[in-house]
Structures are given as C-alpha cells and as structure tokens.
Amino acid sequence: ADKLKSRFHEQAFPELVLAAPPHILGLLRGALDEAVARCVVASFDNDYTLLDVDELDKRIHALAR
C-alpha cells in the first residue's frame, strides 16, 4: 500500500486494477490511501503470481469487460 501511494503521487498511474488472493486483497484494500483507493477501477480475488505477463494481461482484460 505504501509503494502504491508513493507511485500514485509520482503520477505513475491514473487507474489501478488490484489482483490478489482474497485474504491479501482484503488487507490491501484496508491499507490503501484514500486517493489511491479512489483510482481502483477493478479488483479480482485471484492469485495470478504464476502467470507470465502476456497471460496476465489477457485474463485481466477478459475479466474487466
């Protein structure tokens, strides 16, 4: 959450999609800065850590439709 806050204030992203296992996602949401939380456009309670970047991109885009 601290890293996301720092990167948000550096204007590294205008919108944010969160993806994490359910328990971690809940903890992350609870720890987000209010400004960062407002830029969250979608969140998915899945563990995507083993996917390569191309597959991750496909899955996130498919879910965000």
Protein backbone atom coordinates (compact mmCIF):
# COMPACT_ATOMS: atom_id res chain seq x y z
CA ALA A 1 0.00 0.00 0.00
CA ASP A 2 2.87 2.38 0.77
CA LYS A 3 4.52 1.68 -2.59
CA LEU A 4 1.23 2.25 -4.43
CA LYS A 5 0.75 5.54 -2.56
CA SER A 6 4.25 6.67 -3.49
CA ARG A 7 3.82 5.71 -7.14
CA PHE A 8 0.37 7.35 -7.26
CA HIS A 9 1.81 10.66 -6.05
CA GLU A 10 4.53 10.33 -8.72
CA GLN A 11 1.64 10.10 -11.20
CA ALA A 12 2.77 6.64 -12.30
CA PHE A 13 -0.83 5.56 -12.97
CA PRO A 14 -4.25 7.21 -13.34
CA GLU A 15 -6.19 3.99 -12.66
CA LEU A 16 -5.40 0.82 -10.79
CA VAL A 17 -6.54 -2.80 -11.04
CA LEU A 18 -5.89 -4.98 -7.99
CA ALA A 19 -5.49 -8.75 -8.19
CA ALA A 20 -4.56 -10.85 -5.18
CA PRO A 21 -5.79 -13.86 -3.23
CA PRO A 22 -8.94 -12.97 -1.23
CA HIS A 23 -7.26 -12.54 2.16
CA ILE A 24 -4.43 -10.41 0.78
CA LEU A 25 -6.83 -8.34 -1.32
CA GLY A 26 -8.85 -7.53 1.79
CA LEU A 27 -5.74 -6.49 3.70
CA LEU A 28 -4.54 -4.37 0.79
CA ARG A 29 -7.87 -2.60 0.38
CA GLY A 30 -7.86 -1.80 4.09
CA ALA A 31 -4.36 -0.33 3.92
CA LEU A 32 -4.79 1.82 0.80
CA ASP A 33 -4.55 5.58 1.00
CA GLU A 34 -7.90 7.25 0.20
CA ALA A 35 -6.59 8.83 -3.01
CA VAL A 36 -5.21 5.50 -4.22
CA ALA A 37 -8.43 3.70 -3.29
CA ARG A 38 -10.42 6.14 -5.43
CA CYS A 39 -8.39 5.25 -8.53
CA VAL A 40 -9.09 1.49 -8.19
CA VAL A 41 -11.27 0.64 -11.18
CA ALA A 42 -11.43 -3.14 -10.65
CA SER A 43 -10.25 -5.81 -8.28
CA PHE A 44 -10.05 -9.58 -8.62
CA ASP A 45 -9.66 -12.07 -5.80
CA ASN A 46 -7.39 -14.44 -7.70
CA ASP A 47 -3.74 -15.42 -7.37
CA TYR A 48 -2.03 -14.63 -10.66
CA THR A 49 1.57 -14.81 -9.44
CA LEU A 50 2.45 -17.83 -11.59
CA LEU A 51 1.20 -16.34 -14.88
CA ASP A 52 3.52 -14.78 -17.42
CA VAL A 53 2.87 -11.14 -18.34
CA ASP A 54 1.01 -11.91 -21.58
CA GLU A 55 -1.37 -14.36 -19.91
CA LEU A 56 -1.93 -11.96 -17.00
CA ASP A 57 -2.80 -9.18 -19.43
CA LYS A 58 -5.29 -11.43 -21.27
CA ARG A 59 -7.01 -12.54 -18.06
CA ILE A 60 -7.30 -9.07 -16.58
CA HIS A 61 -8.70 -7.66 -19.81
CA ALA A 62 -11.18 -10.53 -20.11
CA LEU A 63 -12.38 -10.04 -16.54
CA ALA A 64 -12.63 -6.27 -16.84
CA ARG A 65 -15.16 -6.42 -19.70
